[in-house]
Amino acid sequence: MEITVNGDILHFDTPANIPQLITRLELSNVKIAIELNKQILPRSEYAQKSLQEGDILEIVQAIGGG
């Protein structure tokens, strides 16, 4: 399966979901927001959301400051 994340193509040999993607990108302990196919994905949907061939994701990290 091939998806695009922040403009980069990623390959998965088996079906994947959002938690697996977050782990693969080493973002498990980071505050993030995910856009999936031009729609903001609520954090409450991360656990059950499966990725599909050709999905396009944008992931941004929250950065504190003042």
PDB file of N, CA and C in Angstrom:
ATOM      1  N   MET A   1       0.848  -1.165   0.000  1.00  0.00           N
ATOM      2  CA  MET A   1       0.000   0.000   0.000  1.00  0.00           C
ATOM      3  C   MET A   1       0.898   1.233   0.000  1.00  0.00           C
ATOM      4  N   GLU A   2       0.485   2.244  -0.738  1.00  0.00           N
ATOM      5  CA  GLU A   2       1.251   3.477  -0.844  1.00  0.00           C
ATOM      6  C   GLU A   2       0.380   4.656  -0.420  1.00  0.00           C
ATOM      7  N   ILE A   3       0.911   5.475   0.492  1.00  0.00           N
ATOM      8  CA  ILE A   3       0.234   6.695   0.926  1.00  0.00           C
ATOM      9  C   ILE A   3       1.236   7.848   0.855  1.00  0.00           C
ATOM     10  N   THR A   4       0.725   9.064   0.909  1.00  0.00           N
ATOM     11  CA  THR A   4       1.584  10.239   0.911  1.00  0.00           C
ATOM     12  C   THR A   4       1.423  10.960   2.245  1.00  0.00           C
ATOM     13  N   VAL A   5       2.554  11.223   2.900  1.00  0.00           N
ATOM     14  CA  VAL A   5       2.554  11.915   4.186  1.00  0.00           C
ATOM     15  C   VAL A   5       3.474  13.127   4.077  1.00  0.00           C
ATOM     16  N   ASN A   6       2.893  14.302   4.219  1.00  0.00           N
ATOM     17  CA  ASN A   6       3.649  15.555   4.117  1.00  0.00           C
ATOM     18  C   ASN A   6       4.481  15.601   2.840  1.00  0.00           C
ATOM     19  N   GLY A   7       3.908  15.104   1.755  1.00  0.00           N
ATOM     20  CA  GLY A   7       4.563  15.154   0.456  1.00  0.00           C
ATOM     21  C   GLY A   7       5.498  13.997   0.162  1.00  0.00           C
ATOM     22  N   ASP A   8       5.750  13.136   1.139  1.00  0.00           N
ATOM     23  CA  ASP A   8       6.627  11.983   0.948  1.00  0.00           C
ATOM     24  C   ASP A   8       5.798  10.711   0.811  1.00  0.00           C
ATOM     25  N   ILE A   9       6.206   9.843  -0.095  1.00  0.00           N
ATOM     26  CA  ILE A   9       5.495   8.580  -0.296  1.00  0.00           C
ATOM     27  C   ILE A   9       6.015   7.548   0.696  1.00  0.00           C
ATOM     28  N   LEU A  10       5.082   6.888   1.380  1.00  0.00           N
ATOM     29  CA  LEU A  10       5.416   5.800   2.299  1.00  0.00           C
ATOM     30  C   LEU A  10       4.774   4.521   1.795  1.00  0.00           C
ATOM     31  N   HIS A  11       5.472   3.408   1.991  1.00  0.00           N
ATOM     32  CA  HIS A  11       4.966   2.102   1.572  1.00  0.00           C
ATOM     33  C   HIS A  11       4.711   1.235   2.805  1.00  0.00           C
ATOM     34  N   PHE A  12       3.598   0.534   2.785  1.00  0.00           N
ATOM     35  CA  PHE A  12       3.267  -0.448   3.810  1.00  0.00           C
ATOM     36  C   PHE A  12       3.038  -1.779   3.109  1.00  0.00           C
ATOM     37  N   ASP A  13       3.620  -2.851   3.648  1.00  0.00           N
ATOM     38  CA  ASP A  13       3.437  -4.177   3.055  1.00  0.00           C
ATOM     39  C   ASP A  13       2.082  -4.775   3.402  1.00  0.00           C
ATOM     40  N   THR A  14       1.498  -4.313   4.498  1.00  0.00           N
ATOM     41  CA  THR A  14       0.197  -4.813   4.933  1.00  0.00           C
ATOM     42  C   THR A  14      -0.709  -3.620   5.216  1.00  0.00           C
ATOM     43  N   PRO A  15      -2.009  -3.840   5.329  1.00  0.00           N
ATOM     44  CA  PRO A  15      -2.901  -2.732   5.671  1.00  0.00           C
ATOM     45  C   PRO A  15      -2.439  -2.063   6.968  1.00  0.00           C
ATOM     46  N   ALA A  16      -2.654  -0.757   7.045  1.00  0.00           N
ATOM     47  CA  ALA A  16      -2.189  -0.001   8.210  1.00  0.00           C
ATOM     48  C   ALA A  16      -3.282   0.946   8.685  1.00  0.00           C
ATOM     49  N   ASN A  17      -3.099   1.434   9.905  1.00  0.00           N
ATOM     50  CA  ASN A  17      -4.039   2.402  10.457  1.00  0.00           C
ATOM     51  C   ASN A  17      -3.265   3.599  11.004  1.00  0.00           C
ATOM     52  N   ILE A  18      -3.979   4.574  11.508  1.00  0.00           N
ATOM     53  CA  ILE A  18      -3.348   5.797  11.997  1.00  0.00           C
ATOM     54  C   ILE A  18      -2.384   5.515  13.160  1.00  0.00           C
ATOM     55  N   PRO A  19      -2.756   4.717  14.162  1.00  0.00           N
ATOM     56  CA  PRO A  19      -1.792   4.451  15.238  1.00  0.00           C
ATOM     57  C   PRO A  19      -0.487   3.817  14.733  1.00  0.00           C
ATOM     58  N   GLN A  20      -0.573   2.926  13.760  1.00  0.00           N
ATOM     59  CA  GLN A  20       0.639   2.322  13.203  1.00  0.00           C
ATOM     60  C   GLN A  20       1.488   3.367  12.486  1.00  0.00           C
ATOM     61  N   LEU A  21       0.834   4.273  11.774  1.00  0.00           N
ATOM     62  CA  LEU A  21       1.558   5.341  11.088  1.00  0.00           C
ATOM     63  C   LEU A  21       2.257   6.245  12.103  1.00  0.00           C
ATOM     64  N   ILE A  22       1.555   6.625  13.163  1.00  0.00           N
ATOM     65  CA  ILE A  22       2.135   7.483  14.195  1.00  0.00           C
ATOM     66  C   ILE A  22       3.365   6.815  14.812  1.00  0.00           C
ATOM     67  N   THR A  23       3.275   5.525  15.075  1.00  0.00           N
ATOM     68  CA  THR A  23       4.413   4.785  15.622  1.00  0.00           C
ATOM     69  C   THR A  23       5.565   4.751  14.632  1.00  0.00           C
ATOM     70  N   ARG A  24       5.266   4.458  13.385  1.00  0.00           N
ATOM     71  CA  ARG A  24       6.314   4.393  12.352  1.00  0.00           C
ATOM     72  C   ARG A  24       7.045   5.728  12.211  1.00  0.00           C
ATOM     73  N   LEU A  25       6.316   6.821  12.338  1.00  0.00           N
ATOM     74  CA  LEU A  25       6.916   8.148  12.206  1.00  0.00           C
ATOM     75  C   LEU A  25       7.516   8.656  13.524  1.00  0.00           C
ATOM     76  N   GLU A  26       7.467   7.822  14.565  1.00  0.00           N
ATOM     77  CA  GLU A  26       7.998   8.151  15.890  1.00  0.00           C
ATOM     78  C   GLU A  26       7.367   9.424  16.454  1.00  0.00           C
ATOM     79  N   LEU A  27       6.041   9.503  16.328  1.00  0.00           N
ATOM     80  CA  LEU A  27       5.296  10.664  16.813  1.00  0.00           C
ATOM     81  C   LEU A  27       4.376  10.319  17.983  1.00  0.00           C
ATOM     82  N   SER A  28       4.600   9.173  18.610  1.00  0.00           N
ATOM     83  CA  SER A  28       3.705   8.706  19.671  1.00  0.00           C
ATOM     84  C   SER A  28       3.621   9.651  20.859  1.00  0.00           C
ATOM     85  N   ASN A  29       4.697  10.325  21.184  1.00  0.00           N
ATOM     86  CA  ASN A  29       4.714  11.194  22.365  1.00  0.00           C
ATOM     87  C   ASN A  29       4.689  12.669  21.997  1.00  0.00           C
ATOM     88  N   VAL A  30       4.172  12.979  20.818  1.00  0.00           N
ATOM     89  CA  VAL A  30       4.168  14.347  20.312  1.00  0.00           C
ATOM     90  C   VAL A  30       2.727  14.784  20.058  1.00  0.00           C
ATOM     91  N   LYS A  31       2.416  16.027  20.386  1.00  0.00           N
ATOM     92  CA  LYS A  31       1.088  16.579  20.071  1.00  0.00           C
ATOM     93  C   LYS A  31       1.044  16.865  18.572  1.00  0.00           C
ATOM     94  N   ILE A  32       0.092  16.237  17.883  1.00  0.00           N
ATOM     95  CA  ILE A  32      -0.011  16.397  16.435  1.00  0.00           C
ATOM     96  C   ILE A  32      -1.456  16.633  16.019  1.00  0.00           C
ATOM     97  N   ALA A  33      -1.606  17.118  14.806  1.00  0.00           N
ATOM     98  CA  ALA A  33      -2.908  17.206  14.141  1.00  0.00           C
ATOM     99  C   ALA A  33      -2.734  16.529  12.790  1.00  0.00           C
ATOM    100  N   ILE A  34      -3.766  15.811  12.359  1.00  0.00           N
ATOM    101  CA  ILE A  34      -3.695  15.069  11.103  1.00  0.00           C
ATOM    102  C   ILE A  34      -4.817  15.497  10.177  1.00  0.00           C
ATOM    103  N   GLU A  35      -4.442  15.786   8.949  1.00  0.00           N
ATOM    104  CA  GLU A  35      -5.401  16.032   7.873  1.00  0.00           C
ATOM    105  C   GLU A  35      -5.330  14.825   6.947  1.00  0.00           C
ATOM    106  N   LEU A  36      -6.465  14.193   6.704  1.00  0.00           N
ATOM    107  CA  LEU A  36      -6.548  13.017   5.843  1.00  0.00           C
ATOM    108  C   LEU A  36      -7.424  13.358   4.652  1.00  0.00           C
ATOM    109  N   ASN A  37      -6.819  13.360   3.482  1.00  0.00           N
ATOM    110  CA  ASN A  37      -7.544  13.676   2.248  1.00  0.00           C
ATOM    111  C   ASN A  37      -8.322  14.988   2.367  1.00  0.00           C
ATOM    112  N   LYS A  38      -7.626  16.010   2.870  1.00  0.00           N
ATOM    113  CA  LYS A  38      -8.132  17.387   2.976  1.00  0.00           C
ATOM    114  C   LYS A  38      -9.222  17.571   4.028  1.00  0.00           C
ATOM    115  N   GLN A  39      -9.345  16.610   4.950  1.00  0.00           N
ATOM    116  CA  GLN A  39     -10.297  16.711   6.059  1.00  0.00           C
ATOM    117  C   GLN A  39      -9.539  16.518   7.372  1.00  0.00           C
ATOM    118  N   ILE A  40      -9.761  17.425   8.327  1.00  0.00           N
ATOM    119  CA  ILE A  40      -9.130  17.268   9.638  1.00  0.00           C
ATOM    120  C   ILE A  40      -9.695  16.006  10.288  1.00  0.00           C
ATOM    121  N   LEU A  41      -8.799  15.175  10.790  1.00  0.00           N
ATOM    122  CA  LEU A  41      -9.202  13.933  11.435  1.00  0.00           C
ATOM    123  C   LEU A  41      -9.231  14.159  12.946  1.00  0.00           C
ATOM    124  N   PRO A  42     -10.418  14.061  13.571  1.00  0.00           N
ATOM    125  CA  PRO A  42     -10.489  14.245  15.022  1.00  0.00           C
ATOM    126  C   PRO A  42      -9.653  13.188  15.745  1.00  0.00           C
ATOM    127  N   ARG A  43      -8.980  13.604  16.798  1.00  0.00           N
ATOM    128  CA  ARG A  43      -8.141  12.682  17.571  1.00  0.00           C
ATOM    129  C   ARG A  43      -8.953  11.466  18.042  1.00  0.00           C
ATOM    130  N   SER A  44     -10.221  11.664  18.314  1.00  0.00           N
ATOM    131  CA  SER A  44     -11.071  10.564  18.783  1.00  0.00           C
ATOM    132  C   SER A  44     -11.247   9.473  17.731  1.00  0.00           C
ATOM    133  N   GLU A  45     -10.921   9.764  16.474  1.00  0.00           N
ATOM    134  CA  GLU A  45     -11.059   8.780  15.393  1.00  0.00           C
ATOM    135  C   GLU A  45      -9.741   8.106  15.020  1.00  0.00           C
ATOM    136  N   TYR A  46      -8.638   8.535  15.618  1.00  0.00           N
ATOM    137  CA  TYR A  46      -7.332   7.975  15.248  1.00  0.00           C
ATOM    138  C   TYR A  46      -7.303   6.455  15.389  1.00  0.00           C
ATOM    139  N   ALA A  47      -7.773   5.939  16.518  1.00  0.00           N
ATOM    140  CA  ALA A  47      -7.630   4.513  16.828  1.00  0.00           C
ATOM    141  C   ALA A  47      -8.321   3.597  15.830  1.00  0.00           C
ATOM    142  N   GLN A  48      -9.454   4.023  15.295  1.00  0.00           N
ATOM    143  CA  GLN A  48     -10.200   3.132  14.409  1.00  0.00           C
ATOM    144  C   GLN A  48     -10.029   3.454  12.925  1.00  0.00           C
ATOM    145  N   LYS A  49      -9.247   4.475  12.585  1.00  0.00           N
ATOM    146  CA  LYS A  49      -9.142   4.897  11.185  1.00  0.00           C
ATOM    147  C   LYS A  49      -8.102   4.072  10.432  1.00  0.00           C
ATOM    148  N   SER A  50      -8.558   3.332   9.428  1.00  0.00           N
ATOM    149  CA  SER A  50      -7.666   2.559   8.565  1.00  0.00           C
ATOM    150  C   SER A  50      -7.219   3.417   7.393  1.00  0.00           C
ATOM    151  N   LEU A  51      -5.996   3.200   6.966  1.00  0.00           N
ATOM    152  CA  LEU A  51      -5.470   3.906   5.806  1.00  0.00           C
ATOM    153  C   LEU A  51      -5.789   3.127   4.542  1.00  0.00           C
ATOM    154  N   GLN A  52      -5.983   3.858   3.447  1.00  0.00           N
ATOM    155  CA  GLN A  52      -6.323   3.252   2.162  1.00  0.00           C
ATOM    156  C   GLN A  52      -5.257   3.617   1.133  1.00  0.00           C
ATOM    157  N   GLU A  53      -5.090   2.779   0.141  1.00  0.00           N
ATOM    158  CA  GLU A  53      -4.179   3.048  -0.971  1.00  0.00           C
ATOM    159  C   GLU A  53      -4.452   4.443  -1.526  1.00  0.00           C
ATOM    160  N   GLY A  54      -3.394   5.245  -1.656  1.00  0.00           N
ATOM    161  CA  GLY A  54      -3.530   6.569  -2.244  1.00  0.00           C
ATOM    162  C   GLY A  54      -3.922   7.681  -1.290  1.00  0.00           C
ATOM    163  N   ASP A  55      -4.134   7.364  -0.004  1.00  0.00           N
ATOM    164  CA  ASP A  55      -4.471   8.415   0.961  1.00  0.00           C
ATOM    165  C   ASP A  55      -3.371   9.472   0.990  1.00  0.00           C
ATOM    166  N   ILE A  56      -3.791  10.714   1.228  1.00  0.00           N
ATOM    167  CA  ILE A  56      -2.859  11.830   1.357  1.00  0.00           C
ATOM    168  C   ILE A  56      -3.049  12.441   2.738  1.00  0.00           C
ATOM    169  N   LEU A  57      -1.978  12.455   3.513  1.00  0.00           N
ATOM    170  CA  LEU A  57      -2.033  12.976   4.871  1.00  0.00           C
ATOM    171  C   LEU A  57      -1.056  14.127   5.038  1.00  0.00           C
ATOM    172  N   GLU A  58      -1.472  15.082   5.847  1.00  0.00           N
ATOM    173  CA  GLU A  58      -0.592  16.150   6.305  1.00  0.00           C
ATOM    174  C   GLU A  58      -0.599  16.054   7.824  1.00  0.00           C
ATOM    175  N   ILE A  59       0.582  15.992   8.409  1.00  0.00           N
ATOM    176  CA  ILE A  59       0.708  15.896   9.855  1.00  0.00           C
ATOM    177  C   ILE A  59       1.527  17.082  10.337  1.00  0.00           C
ATOM    178  N   VAL A  60       0.972  17.811  11.297  1.00  0.00           N
ATOM    179  CA  VAL A  60       1.690  18.951  11.867  1.00  0.00           C
ATOM    180  C   VAL A  60       1.853  18.732  13.368  1.00  0.00           C
ATOM    181  N   GLN A  61       2.968  19.223  13.889  1.00  0.00           N
ATOM    182  CA  GLN A  61       3.260  19.118  15.310  1.00  0.00           C
ATOM    183  C   GLN A  61       2.993  20.449  15.990  1.00  0.00           C
ATOM    184  N   ALA A  62       2.413  20.360  17.176  1.00  0.00           N
ATOM    185  CA  ALA A  62       2.207  21.562  17.984  1.00  0.00           C
ATOM    186  C   ALA A  62       3.542  21.960  18.603  1.00  0.00           C
ATOM    187  N   ILE A  63       3.849  23.245  18.517  1.00  0.00           N
ATOM    188  CA  ILE A  63       5.092  23.760  19.082  1.00  0.00           C
ATOM    189  C   ILE A  63       4.737  24.878  20.054  1.00  0.00           C
ATOM    190  N   GLY A  64       5.186  24.727  21.291  1.00  0.00           N
ATOM    191  CA  GLY A  64       4.908  25.739  22.303  1.00  0.00           C
ATOM    192  C   GLY A  64       5.812  26.954  22.142  1.00  0.00           C
ATOM    193  N   GLY A  65       5.350  28.032  22.640  1.00  0.00           N
ATOM    194  CA  GLY A  65       6.141  29.256  22.582  1.00  0.00           C
ATOM    195  C   GLY A  65       5.321  30.414  23.113  1.00  0.00           C
ATOM    196  N   GLY A  66       5.923  31.550  23.098  1.00  0.00           N
ATOM    197  CA  GLY A  66       5.165  32.649  23.654  1.00  0.00           C
ATOM    198  C   GLY A  66       5.533  33.973  23.109  1.00  0.00           C
TER     199      GLY A  66
END
